[in-house]
Amino acid sequence: MPMERASVVNVLKRVAPALGTKDILPVLACFCFDGKNVTAYDDVVALRAPFPSPIVGGVRGRLLLDFLTACRGKYVDLKTDETSSVLIKSGRAKLNQPLLARDSFIFMMPKTEGATEVSVSGPFLGALNLALVSMGRDSTYPWMLGVTVQFGEKGATLFSTDNRSATKVFLKGMKGPPNGLTVVLPPRFCELLSDVGREDKIKSLAITKEWSIAVFASGLRLFSRTVQTSDVRTYQTIFKEASTLKDSLVDVPKGLDRALEQALAVMPWAAEKYTKLEVRGGDLIVTTISQAGNVRNQVPMTGHEAVRADVPPDALLRALSLAEKILVSEKYVLLSKGTWTHLVTTVLQSGVSAPAADEDLAEEE
C-alpha cells in the first residue's frame, strides 16, 4: 500500500541518528523493519519508531533516506520480490536494494524487570544538560565516558568529566532502588535524550544495570547499554574540597565572557594553550600571550583574595554562561549555581593539576 513520502521520511529521520557510520557489520548501517517498527542500532544506542510496513528485513539506511529525500513524488511504495530485495518507488523514481534477512538483526529488546523509573521532568533534563558541559568521550577510561548517575537515599547525583573540567549536579528527592544504583550513561544516549527531548516530550525513562530506555510521546524509543564501571569515589574526592569553599565564592564578573572570547581569538597562535588569570586590587586581569599579539583585559572582581592561575579559556567559557558564582584558586576555577558545581583545572608547567585524593569522603548534604 502506498504511503505518504513526507511521513516516511519524517519517521526515518527520527531513527537515523542511530545508524552506524562504519561498515563493521552491514546491519549496523541498516534500517531494520519488522512489520510494525523500524529500528536503527549502531552497537551503542538504538532508536525505534512505530512503522507498519509490508517489508521485513534490513535496508541500507543512508541510501534509502537520501533517495526518498531527493524524490518529489507524493507517495512511496515498498515491495519485496523473490530475489530477497526490496523495490522502492516514488513517482517515476525507483530504487532496488538487497534486503538483509531478519535473523541478521543484532539488537534485541532489553528486559526491563527491576528497572528504576526516573522522573524525566524539567529538573532531570536540566541536570543532564548541565552535566553535558564536561561530558567525557575517552573510551579508554570508562568511568569518564558519558555521564555518571548515582541514586542514593537523599536523591540522585550526576557527575561528568573530560579530564580538564568536572561537573556535579544534585537532584534532591530523586530516589533509586533500595540498594542504590550507579550507572554511566554513554555520550550518544545523553545527547540524543537531550536533543530529542526538546521537541518530543519524554514519557518515561527506565534504567537498569545493563540498559537505559527512554520512551517519547510520539512513540519513539531510545535504548542504550550502560557502563557499569564508575569510579564515584574519585568524583566525591574531587568535589569534597570544592564544597568547603562555597562561602568564598563571589559573583561572576561582568565582561569575563567577552575577555575569554577575545583570548580565544589569538589562542591558535599561542605556544601555551592557556590564559593567565590574576586577581589583585579588586580586579580580575585576563591575559593571553601569543605570537599574533597579546590580549589583556581587566574586569571588576571585588571580595576575592589575590591569586594567580592559568586556565584553558575554552573550558572556562563553556561553563561560564551557566554560572552565578566563581572562585579562582591555584588548583582550579570553581563555578556554581544552585546544586550545580563545576571545576576547571588550572594548567601548570608539569601538566594539569587536580585536588589531592582523600579517602575520607563526605556524604552529600
Protein backbone atom coordinates (compact mmCIF):
# COMPACT_ATOMS: atom_id res chain seq x y z
CA MET A 1 0.00 0.00 0.00
CA PRO A 2 1.45 3.43 -0.94
CA MET A 3 2.41 5.68 1.97
CA GLU A 4 2.92 9.43 2.09
CA ARG A 5 6.56 10.06 1.28
CA ALA A 6 6.86 13.02 3.67
CA SER A 7 5.60 10.89 6.58
CA VAL A 8 8.00 8.06 5.75
CA VAL A 9 10.95 10.47 5.53
CA ASN A 10 9.96 12.06 8.84
CA VAL A 11 9.93 8.69 10.65
CA LEU A 12 13.23 7.58 9.13
CA LYS A 13 14.92 10.88 10.03
CA ARG A 14 13.94 10.38 13.67
CA VAL A 15 15.58 6.96 13.72
CA ALA A 16 18.58 7.84 11.52
CA PRO A 17 20.83 9.25 14.33
CA ALA A 18 21.37 5.65 15.50
CA LEU A 19 22.62 4.41 12.11
CA GLY A 20 26.20 3.18 12.18
CA THR A 21 28.74 5.19 10.20
CA LYS A 22 31.30 2.39 9.81
CA ASP A 23 30.81 -0.82 7.84
CA ILE A 24 31.92 -3.10 10.67
CA LEU A 25 28.68 -5.05 10.32
CA PRO A 26 26.27 -4.28 7.45
CA VAL A 27 23.25 -4.49 9.74
CA LEU A 28 24.53 -1.56 11.85
CA ALA A 29 24.12 0.71 8.82
CA CYS A 30 20.60 -0.53 8.08
CA PHE A 31 17.05 0.47 8.89
CA CYS A 32 15.63 -2.77 10.27
CA PHE A 33 11.92 -3.32 9.57
CA ASP A 34 9.90 -5.97 11.45
CA GLY A 35 6.48 -5.15 10.00
CA LYS A 36 5.45 -2.98 12.97
CA ASN A 37 8.54 -0.88 13.76
CA VAL A 38 11.70 0.47 12.19
CA THR A 39 14.93 0.30 14.22
CA ALA A 40 18.47 1.60 13.82
CA TYR A 41 21.28 0.37 16.07
CA ASP A 42 24.96 1.38 15.92
CA ASP A 43 26.08 -1.05 18.68
CA VAL A 44 25.88 1.75 21.28
CA VAL A 45 22.41 3.29 21.00
CA ALA A 46 19.22 2.17 19.29
CA LEU A 47 16.22 4.18 18.12
CA ARG A 48 12.90 2.51 17.34
CA ALA A 49 9.74 4.10 15.96
CA PRO A 50 6.32 2.67 15.03
CA PHE A 51 6.29 1.99 11.28
CA PRO A 52 3.78 -0.51 9.80
CA SER A 53 5.34 -1.73 6.53
CA PRO A 54 4.99 -4.61 4.07
CA ILE A 55 8.70 -5.45 4.28
CA VAL A 56 10.58 -7.39 6.94
CA GLY A 57 14.36 -7.11 6.86
CA GLY A 58 17.22 -4.63 6.76
CA VAL A 59 17.70 -1.89 4.16
CA ARG A 60 20.83 0.28 3.87
CA GLY A 61 19.74 3.34 5.82
CA ARG A 62 21.55 6.39 4.45
CA LEU A 63 20.94 5.32 0.87
CA LEU A 64 17.21 4.83 1.47
CA LEU A 65 16.81 8.12 3.32
CA ASP A 66 18.84 10.13 0.79
CA PHE A 67 16.86 8.61 -2.09
CA LEU A 68 13.46 9.37 -0.56
CA THR A 69 14.56 12.89 0.42
CA ALA A 70 15.59 13.57 -3.20
CA CYS A 71 12.31 12.21 -4.63
CA ARG A 72 9.44 14.55 -5.46
CA GLY A 73 6.59 12.05 -5.58
CA LYS A 74 3.81 12.45 -3.02
CA TYR A 75 3.70 8.74 -2.21
CA VAL A 76 6.19 5.92 -1.77
CA ASP A 77 5.65 2.21 -2.28
CA LEU A 78 7.81 -0.56 -0.77
CA LYS A 79 7.69 -4.08 -2.21
CA THR A 80 9.77 -7.24 -1.84
CA ASP A 81 10.35 -9.88 -4.51
CA GLU A 82 11.56 -13.45 -4.77
CA THR A 83 15.23 -12.40 -5.00
CA SER A 84 15.35 -11.10 -1.40
CA SER A 85 15.45 -7.48 -2.47
CA VAL A 86 13.18 -4.51 -1.93
CA LEU A 87 11.84 -2.16 -4.60
CA ILE A 88 11.22 1.44 -3.51
CA LYS A 89 9.11 3.57 -5.87
CA SER A 90 8.17 7.24 -5.56
CA GLY A 91 6.71 8.98 -8.58
CA ARG A 92 8.81 7.91 -11.58
CA ALA A 93 11.88 7.13 -9.44
CA LYS A 94 12.77 3.58 -8.48
CA LEU A 95 15.45 2.11 -6.23
CA ASN A 96 16.21 -1.58 -5.85
CA GLN A 97 18.13 -2.69 -2.76
CA PRO A 98 19.19 -6.03 -1.28
CA LEU A 99 17.09 -6.95 1.75
CA LEU A 100 19.04 -8.19 4.77
CA ALA A 101 17.32 -11.15 6.44
CA ARG A 102 15.58 -10.52 9.75
CA ASP A 103 17.72 -13.12 11.51
CA SER A 104 20.71 -10.83 10.87
CA PHE A 105 19.33 -8.23 13.33
CA ILE A 106 21.60 -7.97 16.38
CA PHE A 107 19.50 -5.62 18.51
CA MET A 108 17.13 -7.40 20.87
CA MET A 109 14.61 -5.63 23.07
CA PRO A 110 16.15 -5.36 26.57
CA LYS A 111 14.43 -6.74 29.64
CA THR A 112 13.12 -4.07 32.00
CA GLU A 113 12.33 -6.17 35.08
CA GLY A 114 13.54 -4.35 38.19
CA ALA A 115 14.27 -1.17 36.26
CA THR A 116 14.48 2.16 38.08
CA GLU A 117 11.82 4.52 36.78
CA VAL A 118 13.29 8.02 36.63
CA SER A 119 11.16 11.14 36.66
CA VAL A 120 12.01 13.00 33.46
CA SER A 121 10.50 16.32 34.40
CA GLY A 122 12.39 19.55 33.86
CA PRO A 123 14.83 19.05 36.77
CA PHE A 124 16.32 15.81 35.42
CA LEU A 125 16.74 17.05 31.86
CA GLY A 126 18.09 20.32 33.19
CA ALA A 127 20.63 18.44 35.32
CA LEU A 128 21.62 16.27 32.38
CA ASN A 129 22.20 19.31 30.18
CA LEU A 130 24.41 20.82 32.88
CA ALA A 131 26.44 17.60 33.06
CA LEU A 132 26.97 17.66 29.29
CA VAL A 133 29.21 20.71 29.75
CA SER A 134 32.10 18.48 30.84
CA MET A 135 31.00 15.11 29.45
CA GLY A 136 33.94 12.83 28.68
CA ARG A 137 34.42 10.89 25.44
CA ASP A 138 37.60 8.93 26.15
CA SER A 139 36.66 5.25 25.83
CA THR A 140 39.97 4.17 27.41
CA TYR A 141 38.62 5.45 30.75
CA PRO A 142 35.04 4.04 31.00
CA TRP A 143 34.24 5.90 34.23
CA MET A 144 34.97 9.19 32.43
CA LEU A 145 32.87 8.27 29.39
CA GLY A 146 29.46 9.95 29.37
CA VAL A 147 27.52 10.95 32.49
CA THR A 148 27.56 9.02 35.76
CA VAL A 149 24.23 8.87 37.64
CA GLN A 150 24.29 7.76 41.27
CA PHE A 151 21.00 7.11 43.05
CA GLY A 152 21.10 7.34 46.85
CA GLU A 153 18.79 7.72 49.83
CA LYS A 154 18.57 11.52 49.52
CA GLY A 155 18.41 11.85 45.75
CA ALA A 156 20.40 11.42 42.55
CA THR A 157 23.79 12.93 41.74
CA LEU A 158 25.10 13.40 38.21
CA PHE A 159 28.86 13.53 37.57
CA SER A 160 30.92 14.08 34.43
CA THR A 161 34.48 14.93 33.48
CA ASP A 162 36.51 15.45 30.29
CA ASN A 163 39.81 15.49 32.22
CA ARG A 164 40.02 19.29 32.02
CA SER A 165 36.79 20.09 33.82
CA ALA A 166 34.32 18.25 36.05
CA THR A 167 30.63 18.71 36.89
CA LYS A 168 28.41 17.66 39.77
CA VAL A 169 24.64 18.18 39.95
CA PHE A 170 22.48 17.00 42.85
CA LEU A 171 18.74 16.31 42.48
CA LYS A 172 17.09 16.10 45.87
CA GLY A 173 14.31 13.55 46.26
CA MET A 174 15.02 11.60 43.05
CA LYS A 175 15.48 8.19 44.67
CA GLY A 176 16.55 4.93 43.10
CA PRO A 177 16.20 1.29 44.21
CA PRO A 178 16.60 0.43 47.94
CA ASN A 179 20.14 -0.87 47.47
CA GLY A 180 21.18 2.10 45.35
CA LEU A 181 22.27 2.16 41.72
CA THR A 182 25.17 3.76 39.88
CA VAL A 183 25.43 3.71 36.07
CA VAL A 184 27.29 5.58 33.36
CA LEU A 185 25.09 6.81 30.51
CA PRO A 186 27.08 6.84 27.22
CA PRO A 187 27.61 10.18 25.43
CA ARG A 188 25.34 9.39 22.45
CA PHE A 189 22.48 8.39 24.74
CA CYS A 190 22.80 11.60 26.76
CA GLU A 191 22.97 13.78 23.65
CA LEU A 192 20.01 12.11 21.96
CA LEU A 193 17.92 12.18 25.14
CA SER A 194 18.58 15.91 25.40
CA ASP A 195 18.16 16.73 21.69
CA VAL A 196 15.04 14.66 21.04
CA GLY A 197 13.54 15.68 24.39
CA ARG A 198 13.48 19.33 23.33
CA GLU A 199 10.84 18.61 20.66
CA ASP A 200 9.33 15.27 21.67
CA LYS A 201 8.18 15.00 25.30
CA ILE A 202 9.78 12.18 27.24
CA LYS A 203 7.09 10.00 28.80
CA SER A 204 9.35 7.68 30.78
CA LEU A 205 12.96 6.77 31.44
CA ALA A 206 13.89 3.38 32.89
CA ILE A 207 17.42 2.47 33.99
CA THR A 208 18.77 -0.98 34.82
CA LYS A 209 22.35 -2.11 35.44
CA GLU A 210 22.60 -3.05 31.77
CA TRP A 211 20.24 -0.74 29.85
CA SER A 212 18.64 2.69 29.75
CA ILE A 213 15.33 3.04 27.91
CA ALA A 214 13.55 6.32 27.11
CA VAL A 215 10.03 6.46 25.66
CA PHE A 216 8.85 9.64 23.90
CA ALA A 217 5.32 10.92 23.35
CA SER A 218 5.50 10.20 19.59
CA GLY A 219 6.18 6.52 20.26
CA LEU A 220 9.89 6.84 19.53
CA ARG A 221 12.05 4.78 21.90
CA LEU A 222 15.73 5.26 22.70
CA PHE A 223 17.88 2.43 24.07
CA SER A 224 21.47 2.26 25.23
CA ARG A 225 23.69 -0.11 27.14
CA THR A 226 25.01 1.42 30.35
CA VAL A 227 28.61 1.33 31.53
CA GLN A 228 28.91 -0.33 34.93
CA THR A 229 32.44 0.72 35.89
CA SER A 230 32.08 4.11 37.54
CA ASP A 231 34.70 5.49 39.91
CA VAL A 232 32.30 7.57 42.02
CA ARG A 233 34.80 7.77 44.88
CA THR A 234 37.15 9.76 42.64
CA TYR A 235 34.35 12.23 41.86
CA GLN A 236 33.46 12.55 45.52
CA THR A 237 37.09 13.20 46.41
CA ILE A 238 37.45 15.90 43.75
CA PHE A 239 34.34 17.76 44.85
CA LYS A 240 34.83 17.36 48.60
CA GLU A 241 37.40 20.16 48.78
CA ALA A 242 35.30 22.34 46.48
CA SER A 243 32.32 22.03 48.82
CA THR A 244 34.32 23.62 51.65
CA LEU A 245 35.00 26.74 49.57
CA LYS A 246 31.41 27.75 48.76
CA ASP A 247 31.50 30.63 51.25
CA SER A 248 34.44 32.13 49.35
CA LEU A 249 32.62 32.34 46.02
CA VAL A 250 31.91 35.77 44.52
CA ASP A 251 29.59 36.92 41.74
CA VAL A 252 30.79 36.17 38.21
CA PRO A 253 32.44 39.39 36.95
CA LYS A 254 30.61 41.18 34.16
CA GLY A 255 32.66 41.16 30.99
CA LEU A 256 34.62 37.98 31.80
CA ASP A 257 32.89 36.12 28.95
CA ARG A 258 33.97 38.76 26.42
CA ALA A 259 37.51 38.72 27.79
CA LEU A 260 37.70 34.95 27.27
CA GLU A 261 36.26 35.23 23.75
CA GLN A 262 38.99 37.72 22.91
CA ALA A 263 41.57 35.37 24.41
CA LEU A 264 40.35 32.57 22.15
CA ALA A 265 40.80 34.81 19.10
CA VAL A 266 44.61 34.66 19.50
CA MET A 267 44.81 31.18 21.01
CA PRO A 268 45.67 29.45 17.68
CA TRP A 269 48.99 31.36 17.69
CA ALA A 270 49.75 30.79 21.38
CA ALA A 271 52.63 28.47 22.24
CA GLU A 272 50.95 27.58 25.54
CA LYS A 273 47.20 26.98 25.24
CA TYR A 274 46.05 28.76 28.34
CA THR A 275 45.03 32.18 29.62
CA LYS A 276 46.50 33.84 32.69
CA LEU A 277 44.08 34.96 35.41
CA GLU A 278 45.23 37.30 38.18
CA VAL A 279 43.07 38.78 40.91
CA ARG A 280 44.52 41.88 42.57
CA GLY A 281 43.24 45.21 43.84
CA GLY A 282 39.57 44.39 43.27
CA ASP A 283 40.08 43.43 39.60
CA LEU A 284 40.46 40.24 37.57
CA ILE A 285 43.17 40.62 34.93
CA VAL A 286 42.86 38.27 31.94
CA THR A 287 45.98 37.92 29.78
CA THR A 288 46.77 35.72 26.78
CA ILE A 289 50.21 35.70 25.17
CA SER A 290 50.64 34.64 21.55
CA GLN A 291 52.85 35.21 18.51
CA ALA A 292 49.99 37.06 16.84
CA GLY A 293 49.76 39.51 19.72
CA ASN A 294 48.93 39.67 23.41
CA VAL A 295 45.41 40.25 24.70
CA ARG A 296 44.87 41.83 28.11
CA ASN A 297 41.56 42.62 29.78
CA GLN A 298 40.60 43.86 33.22
CA VAL A 299 37.18 43.35 34.83
CA PRO A 300 36.00 44.31 38.35
CA MET A 301 36.08 41.42 40.85
CA THR A 302 35.53 42.57 44.42
CA GLY A 303 35.63 40.44 47.56
CA HIS A 304 38.11 37.93 46.15
CA GLU A 305 41.55 37.19 47.55
CA ALA A 306 44.66 37.87 45.43
CA VAL A 307 45.60 34.82 43.36
CA ARG A 308 47.14 33.77 40.05
CA ALA A 309 46.15 30.84 37.86
CA ASP A 310 46.46 29.64 34.27
CA VAL A 311 43.35 28.08 32.73
CA PRO A 312 42.15 26.70 29.37
CA PRO A 313 39.88 29.56 28.22
CA ASP A 314 37.56 27.41 26.10
CA ALA A 315 36.72 25.11 29.03
CA LEU A 316 36.06 28.08 31.30
CA LEU A 317 33.96 29.96 28.73
CA ARG A 318 31.81 26.88 28.01
CA ALA A 319 30.59 26.78 31.60
CA LEU A 320 30.60 30.49 32.36
CA SER A 321 27.14 31.18 30.91
CA LEU A 322 25.66 28.67 33.39
CA ALA A 323 27.33 30.09 36.49
CA GLU A 324 26.31 32.69 39.05
CA LYS A 325 29.31 32.38 41.39
CA ILE A 326 33.03 31.90 40.82
CA LEU A 327 36.26 31.30 42.72
CA VAL A 328 39.78 31.29 41.29
CA SER A 329 42.37 29.17 43.10
CA GLU A 330 45.77 27.74 42.26
CA LYS A 331 44.20 24.31 41.69
CA TYR A 332 41.06 25.14 39.74
CA VAL A 333 38.37 27.65 38.89
CA LEU A 334 35.21 26.80 40.84
CA LEU A 335 31.86 27.75 39.29
CA SER A 336 28.49 27.31 40.94
CA LYS A 337 24.75 27.85 40.57
CA GLY A 338 22.27 26.17 42.90
CA THR A 339 23.18 22.50 43.22
CA TRP A 340 25.42 22.66 40.13
CA THR A 341 29.15 22.68 40.86
CA HIS A 342 31.76 22.88 38.11
CA LEU A 343 35.56 22.78 38.21
CA VAL A 344 38.02 23.84 35.52
CA THR A 345 41.56 22.69 36.29
CA THR A 346 44.46 25.09 36.16
CA VAL A 347 47.46 24.40 33.93
CA LEU A 348 50.90 24.14 35.48
CA GLN A 349 54.28 23.64 33.87
CA SER A 350 54.15 19.98 34.91
CA GLY A 351 50.71 19.46 33.38
CA VAL A 352 47.12 19.54 34.58
CA SER A 353 46.57 19.80 38.31
CA ALA A 354 43.77 18.24 40.32
CA PRO A 355 42.77 18.14 44.00
CA ALA A 356 44.72 15.57 46.03
CA ALA A 357 42.96 12.28 46.78
CA ASP A 358 41.38 11.87 50.19
CA GLU A 359 39.96 8.60 51.47
CA ASP A 360 37.66 10.40 53.93
CA LEU A 361 34.68 11.03 51.65
CA ALA A 362 31.93 13.43 52.66
CA GLU A 363 28.29 12.40 52.40
CA GLU A 364 26.06 14.55 50.21
CA GLU A 365 24.41 17.30 52.21
